[in-house]
Amino acid sequence: MKAVLMLFALVLCALAAVVGAQRANFVSAAVPTSGIVADIEARNARCGRKPRRACTKFTAIVEYTVASETRRLRTGAGQTRGRDEPVSEARYRVGEAFALRVHPITREALPDGFLGLWGLPLMLGLGGAVFAVFAIFIRRRP
């Protein structure tokens, strides 16, 4: 059991390192810009911990221009309890400015904020740390 937990920890930490290096490379070359929220999509889902409740999740579609080409980015725009809730409950509004970082060569864009840029490698690293702690402190029962 300890070996399996430690293997998960190592895999998650390795993924965190790879994704973190990619993000660092992206941030070093990306330029700050802004886009416009073009649309908000809503979908019904199940949210929360047990018991899971009905909720509506929102997705913002952000349009941005790079090198005279208009592109789109989909990003989370929050959630609210209940089914079929109106898009007015979303975190963003249509027509609102949205801060982005865009890589000038690949034209890839990410939300310009700590979680938008570093959230994924941070969560992978924390997951690896949790598995490592469990692997170190787990005891066999006699």
C-alpha atoms as a PDB file:
ATOM      1  CA  MET A   1       0.000   0.000   0.000  1.00  0.00           C
ATOM      2  CA  LYS A   2       2.834   2.414   0.865  1.00  0.00           C
ATOM      3  CA  ALA A   3       4.498   1.740  -2.476  1.00  0.00           C
ATOM      4  CA  VAL A   4       1.312   2.480  -4.431  1.00  0.00           C
ATOM      5  CA  LEU A   5       0.697   5.719  -2.538  1.00  0.00           C
ATOM      6  CA  MET A   6       4.300   6.801  -3.032  1.00  0.00           C
ATOM      7  CA  LEU A   7       4.064   5.968  -6.742  1.00  0.00           C
ATOM      8  CA  PHE A   8       0.952   8.186  -7.037  1.00  0.00           C
ATOM      9  CA  ALA A   9       2.808  10.922  -5.152  1.00  0.00           C
ATOM     10  CA  LEU A  10       5.802  10.737  -7.491  1.00  0.00           C
ATOM     11  CA  VAL A  11       3.631  10.731 -10.622  1.00  0.00           C
ATOM     12  CA  LEU A  12       1.623  13.749  -9.453  1.00  0.00           C
ATOM     13  CA  CYS A  13       4.767  15.649  -8.441  1.00  0.00           C
ATOM     14  CA  ALA A  14       6.399  14.852 -11.802  1.00  0.00           C
ATOM     15  CA  LEU A  15       3.288  16.097 -13.620  1.00  0.00           C
ATOM     16  CA  ALA A  16       3.313  19.234 -11.481  1.00  0.00           C
ATOM     17  CA  ALA A  17       6.938  19.863 -12.417  1.00  0.00           C
ATOM     18  CA  VAL A  18       6.304  19.374 -16.147  1.00  0.00           C
ATOM     19  CA  VAL A  19       3.164  21.531 -16.212  1.00  0.00           C
ATOM     20  CA  GLY A  20       4.863  24.146 -14.015  1.00  0.00           C
ATOM     21  CA  ALA A  21       7.843  24.332 -16.384  1.00  0.00           C
ATOM     22  CA  GLN A  22       5.490  24.708 -19.356  1.00  0.00           C
ATOM     23  CA  ARG A  23       3.578  27.471 -17.582  1.00  0.00           C
ATOM     24  CA  ALA A  24       6.813  29.262 -16.645  1.00  0.00           C
ATOM     25  CA  ASN A  25       7.891  29.121 -20.290  1.00  0.00           C
ATOM     26  CA  PHE A  26       4.465  30.426 -21.330  1.00  0.00           C
ATOM     27  CA  VAL A  27       4.496  33.300 -18.811  1.00  0.00           C
ATOM     28  CA  SER A  28       8.011  34.378 -19.830  1.00  0.00           C
ATOM     29  CA  ALA A  29       6.935  34.837 -23.466  1.00  0.00           C
ATOM     30  CA  ALA A  30       3.240  35.769 -23.111  1.00  0.00           C
ATOM     31  CA  VAL A  31       2.021  39.334 -23.282  1.00  0.00           C
ATOM     32  CA  PRO A  32      -0.849  40.734 -21.235  1.00  0.00           C
ATOM     33  CA  THR A  33      -3.897  41.669 -23.277  1.00  0.00           C
ATOM     34  CA  SER A  34      -7.621  41.789 -22.863  1.00  0.00           C
ATOM     35  CA  GLY A  35     -10.511  40.074 -24.504  1.00  0.00           C
ATOM     36  CA  ILE A  36     -14.245  40.574 -24.438  1.00  0.00           C
ATOM     37  CA  VAL A  37     -16.750  38.122 -22.967  1.00  0.00           C
ATOM     38  CA  ALA A  38     -18.737  37.210 -26.088  1.00  0.00           C
ATOM     39  CA  ASP A  39     -21.168  34.717 -24.567  1.00  0.00           C
ATOM     40  CA  ILE A  40     -22.092  32.892 -21.368  1.00  0.00           C
ATOM     41  CA  GLU A  41     -23.199  29.268 -21.525  1.00  0.00           C
ATOM     42  CA  ALA A  42     -25.131  27.544 -18.750  1.00  0.00           C
ATOM     43  CA  ARG A  43     -25.488  23.820 -18.115  1.00  0.00           C
ATOM     44  CA  ASN A  44     -27.206  21.824 -15.411  1.00  0.00           C
ATOM     45  CA  ALA A  45     -24.940  19.706 -13.222  1.00  0.00           C
ATOM     46  CA  ARG A  46     -24.527  18.197  -9.764  1.00  0.00           C
ATOM     47  CA  CYS A  47     -22.350  20.237  -7.380  1.00  0.00           C
ATOM     48  CA  GLY A  48     -21.043  20.117  -3.846  1.00  0.00           C
ATOM     49  CA  ARG A  49     -20.073  17.352  -1.534  1.00  0.00           C
ATOM     50  CA  LYS A  50     -22.324  14.598  -0.369  1.00  0.00           C
ATOM     51  CA  PRO A  51     -25.199  15.006  -0.791  1.00  0.00           C
ATOM     52  CA  ARG A  52     -24.608  16.456  -4.248  1.00  0.00           C
ATOM     53  CA  ARG A  53     -27.182  19.072  -5.162  1.00  0.00           C
ATOM     54  CA  ALA A  54     -28.540  20.335  -8.457  1.00  0.00           C
ATOM     55  CA  CYS A  55     -26.716  23.379  -9.737  1.00  0.00           C
ATOM     56  CA  THR A  56     -26.104  25.409 -12.861  1.00  0.00           C
ATOM     57  CA  LYS A  57     -22.495  25.832 -14.037  1.00  0.00           C
ATOM     58  CA  PHE A  58     -21.535  28.769 -16.240  1.00  0.00           C
ATOM     59  CA  THR A  59     -18.840  28.994 -18.924  1.00  0.00           C
ATOM     60  CA  ALA A  60     -17.636  32.302 -20.364  1.00  0.00           C
ATOM     61  CA  ILE A  61     -16.546  32.413 -23.996  1.00  0.00           C
ATOM     62  CA  VAL A  62     -13.922  35.127 -24.367  1.00  0.00           C
ATOM     63  CA  GLU A  63     -12.930  36.505 -27.769  1.00  0.00           C
ATOM     64  CA  TYR A  64      -9.480  38.004 -28.232  1.00  0.00           C
ATOM     65  CA  THR A  65      -7.451  39.160 -31.203  1.00  0.00           C
ATOM     66  CA  VAL A  66      -3.840  38.252 -31.864  1.00  0.00           C
ATOM     67  CA  ALA A  67      -2.016  38.959 -35.132  1.00  0.00           C
ATOM     68  CA  SER A  68      -5.277  40.100 -36.800  1.00  0.00           C
ATOM     69  CA  GLU A  69      -6.921  36.771 -35.998  1.00  0.00           C
ATOM     70  CA  THR A  70      -9.910  36.490 -33.671  1.00  0.00           C
ATOM     71  CA  ARG A  71      -9.774  33.493 -31.366  1.00  0.00           C
ATOM     72  CA  ARG A  72     -11.919  32.146 -28.522  1.00  0.00           C
ATOM     73  CA  LEU A  73     -11.147  30.930 -25.014  1.00  0.00           C
ATOM     74  CA  ARG A  74     -13.566  29.035 -22.771  1.00  0.00           C
ATOM     75  CA  THR A  75     -13.203  29.601 -19.032  1.00  0.00           C
ATOM     76  CA  GLY A  76     -15.252  28.913 -15.942  1.00  0.00           C
ATOM     77  CA  ALA A  77     -17.677  31.625 -14.899  1.00  0.00           C
ATOM     78  CA  GLY A  78     -18.985  30.234 -11.614  1.00  0.00           C
ATOM     79  CA  GLN A  79     -21.932  28.153 -10.475  1.00  0.00           C
ATOM     80  CA  THR A  80     -25.132  28.581  -8.519  1.00  0.00           C
ATOM     81  CA  ARG A  81     -27.598  26.288  -6.792  1.00  0.00           C
ATOM     82  CA  GLY A  82     -30.660  25.173  -8.682  1.00  0.00           C
ATOM     83  CA  ARG A  83     -31.386  24.016 -12.201  1.00  0.00           C
ATOM     84  CA  ASP A  84     -31.864  26.275 -15.228  1.00  0.00           C
ATOM     85  CA  GLU A  85     -30.669  29.413 -13.434  1.00  0.00           C
ATOM     86  CA  PRO A  86     -30.296  32.569 -15.589  1.00  0.00           C
ATOM     87  CA  VAL A  87     -26.890  33.600 -16.943  1.00  0.00           C
ATOM     88  CA  SER A  88     -27.185  36.805 -14.911  1.00  0.00           C
ATOM     89  CA  GLU A  89     -25.934  34.659 -11.994  1.00  0.00           C
ATOM     90  CA  ALA A  90     -22.568  34.103 -13.744  1.00  0.00           C
ATOM     91  CA  ARG A  91     -19.386  35.788 -12.504  1.00  0.00           C
ATOM     92  CA  TYR A  92     -18.917  37.668 -15.824  1.00  0.00           C
ATOM     93  CA  ARG A  93     -21.268  39.599 -18.122  1.00  0.00           C
ATOM     94  CA  VAL A  94     -21.421  39.651 -21.919  1.00  0.00           C
ATOM     95  CA  GLY A  95     -19.368  42.593 -23.214  1.00  0.00           C
ATOM     96  CA  GLU A  96     -17.170  42.762 -20.103  1.00  0.00           C
ATOM     97  CA  ALA A  97     -13.388  43.072 -20.514  1.00  0.00           C
ATOM     98  CA  PHE A  98     -11.400  39.969 -19.552  1.00  0.00           C
ATOM     99  CA  ALA A  99      -7.663  40.001 -18.725  1.00  0.00           C
ATOM    100  CA  LEU A 100      -5.596  37.415 -20.629  1.00  0.00           C
ATOM    101  CA  ARG A 101      -2.026  36.468 -21.316  1.00  0.00           C
ATOM    102  CA  VAL A 102      -1.416  35.468 -24.935  1.00  0.00           C
ATOM    103  CA  HIS A 103       1.655  33.726 -26.325  1.00  0.00           C
ATOM    104  CA  PRO A 104       2.570  35.647 -29.519  1.00  0.00           C
ATOM    105  CA  ILE A 105       3.851  32.598 -31.422  1.00  0.00           C
ATOM    106  CA  THR A 106       1.448  29.812 -30.450  1.00  0.00           C
ATOM    107  CA  ARG A 107      -1.464  32.257 -29.901  1.00  0.00           C
ATOM    108  CA  GLU A 108      -2.454  30.233 -26.838  1.00  0.00           C
ATOM    109  CA  ALA A 109      -4.217  32.244 -24.143  1.00  0.00           C
ATOM    110  CA  LEU A 110      -4.788  31.778 -20.415  1.00  0.00           C
ATOM    111  CA  PRO A 111      -6.642  33.933 -17.886  1.00  0.00           C
ATOM    112  CA  ASP A 112      -4.240  36.505 -16.419  1.00  0.00           C
ATOM    113  CA  GLY A 113      -4.411  35.686 -12.740  1.00  0.00           C
ATOM    114  CA  PHE A 114      -2.607  33.506 -10.247  1.00  0.00           C
ATOM    115  CA  LEU A 115      -5.068  30.609 -10.402  1.00  0.00           C
ATOM    116  CA  GLY A 116      -5.483  30.860 -14.165  1.00  0.00           C
ATOM    117  CA  LEU A 117      -1.757  30.543 -14.686  1.00  0.00           C
ATOM    118  CA  TRP A 118      -0.552  28.478 -11.742  1.00  0.00           C
ATOM    119  CA  GLY A 119      -3.663  26.677 -10.450  1.00  0.00           C
ATOM    120  CA  LEU A 120      -3.122  23.374 -12.289  1.00  0.00           C
ATOM    121  CA  PRO A 121       0.543  22.806 -11.335  1.00  0.00           C
ATOM    122  CA  LEU A 122      -0.232  23.914  -7.780  1.00  0.00           C
ATOM    123  CA  MET A 123      -3.101  21.430  -7.411  1.00  0.00           C
ATOM    124  CA  LEU A 124      -1.028  18.592  -8.921  1.00  0.00           C
ATOM    125  CA  GLY A 125       1.831  19.344  -6.521  1.00  0.00           C
ATOM    126  CA  LEU A 126      -0.492  19.514  -3.501  1.00  0.00           C
ATOM    127  CA  GLY A 127      -2.107  16.223  -4.522  1.00  0.00           C
ATOM    128  CA  GLY A 128       1.333  14.635  -4.744  1.00  0.00           C
ATOM    129  CA  ALA A 129       2.245  16.013  -1.325  1.00  0.00           C
ATOM    130  CA  VAL A 130      -0.950  14.595   0.219  1.00  0.00           C
ATOM    131  CA  PHE A 131      -0.258  11.136  -1.220  1.00  0.00           C
ATOM    132  CA  ALA A 132       3.353  11.332   0.022  1.00  0.00           C
ATOM    133  CA  VAL A 133       2.234  12.233   3.553  1.00  0.00           C
ATOM    134  CA  PHE A 134      -0.214   9.319   3.595  1.00  0.00           C
ATOM    135  CA  ALA A 135       2.499   6.986   2.278  1.00  0.00           C
ATOM    136  CA  ILE A 136       4.955   8.078   4.950  1.00  0.00           C
ATOM    137  CA  PHE A 137       2.580   7.958   7.915  1.00  0.00           C
ATOM    138  CA  ILE A 138       0.463   4.920   7.049  1.00  0.00           C
ATOM    139  CA  ARG A 139       0.969   2.007   9.431  1.00  0.00           C
ATOM    140  CA  ARG A 140       0.262  -1.629   8.947  1.00  0.00           C
ATOM    141  CA  ARG A 141      -2.250  -3.134  11.264  1.00  0.00           C
ATOM    142  CA  PRO A 142      -1.149  -6.306  13.044  1.00  0.00           C
END
